[in-house]
Amino acid sequence: MSTTELKEEIQKAVEQIPENAPENLLQEVLGYIQDVSNKITEKAKRAEYVKEIIAEDEEVFRKLAQ
């Protein structure tokens, strides 16, 4: 499944939550979605930091590789 298809399936699943679902269950679902979103953001930040470190220390890495 593509990313777009997965997002569509997630959206469909959220839309199927009954209107009379208990508030605590809705809070739990919202918290889970927010946790996933935060983890994605954190992972992207870490990847960017790694890129910066590699760019800054490129010469050192070249010397180590020799």
Protein backbone atom coordinates (compact mmCIF):
# COMPACT_ATOMS: atom_id res chain seq x y z
CA MET A 1 0.00 0.00 0.00
CA SER A 2 1.23 3.49 -0.77
CA THR A 3 1.48 6.22 1.84
CA THR A 4 -1.56 7.94 0.36
CA GLU A 5 -3.59 4.75 0.49
CA LEU A 6 -2.56 4.12 4.09
CA LYS A 7 -3.57 7.65 5.10
CA GLU A 8 -6.94 7.16 3.38
CA GLU A 9 -7.48 3.90 5.27
CA ILE A 10 -6.61 5.60 8.56
CA GLN A 11 -9.06 8.41 7.76
CA LYS A 12 -11.79 5.86 6.96
CA ALA A 13 -11.13 4.06 10.24
CA VAL A 14 -11.39 7.31 12.19
CA GLU A 15 -14.64 8.20 10.42
CA GLN A 16 -16.09 4.83 11.46
CA ILE A 17 -15.73 5.62 15.16
CA PRO A 18 -19.30 5.80 16.46
CA GLU A 19 -20.66 9.19 17.50
CA ASN A 20 -21.53 7.78 20.91
CA ALA A 21 -18.01 6.52 21.60
CA PRO A 22 -16.97 7.31 25.17
CA GLU A 23 -14.86 10.42 25.65
CA ASN A 24 -12.05 8.49 27.33
CA LEU A 25 -11.78 6.22 24.28
CA LEU A 26 -11.68 9.23 21.96
CA GLN A 27 -8.98 10.82 24.15
CA GLU A 28 -6.97 7.60 23.91
CA VAL A 29 -7.27 7.51 20.10
CA LEU A 30 -6.33 11.19 19.85
CA GLY A 31 -3.35 10.66 22.14
CA TYR A 32 -2.15 7.75 20.03
CA ILE A 33 -2.40 9.78 16.82
CA GLN A 34 -0.55 12.68 18.45
CA ASP A 35 2.18 10.32 19.70
CA VAL A 36 2.67 8.95 16.20
CA SER A 37 2.84 12.47 14.78
CA ASN A 38 5.40 13.51 17.40
CA LYS A 39 7.54 10.45 16.71
CA ILE A 40 7.54 11.22 12.99
CA THR A 41 8.63 14.79 13.70
CA GLU A 42 11.36 13.63 16.11
CA LYS A 43 12.65 11.07 13.63
CA ALA A 44 12.85 13.71 10.90
CA LYS A 45 14.77 16.02 13.26
CA ARG A 46 17.24 13.26 14.15
CA ALA A 47 17.80 12.48 10.48
CA GLU A 48 18.49 16.16 9.83
CA TYR A 49 20.97 16.30 12.74
CA VAL A 50 22.80 13.26 11.36
CA LYS A 51 23.03 14.93 7.95
CA GLU A 52 24.45 18.07 9.58
CA ILE A 53 27.03 16.08 11.53
CA ILE A 54 28.12 14.18 8.44
CA ALA A 55 28.38 17.40 6.45
CA GLU A 56 30.40 19.10 9.19
CA ASP A 57 32.76 16.14 9.65
CA GLU A 58 32.99 15.01 6.04
CA GLU A 59 36.76 15.45 5.91
CA VAL A 60 37.25 13.45 9.11
CA PHE A 61 35.13 10.62 7.72
CA ARG A 62 37.15 10.61 4.51
CA LYS A 63 40.40 10.31 6.45
CA LEU A 64 38.99 7.49 8.56
CA ALA A 65 37.88 5.66 5.44
CA GLN A 66 41.40 5.66 3.99
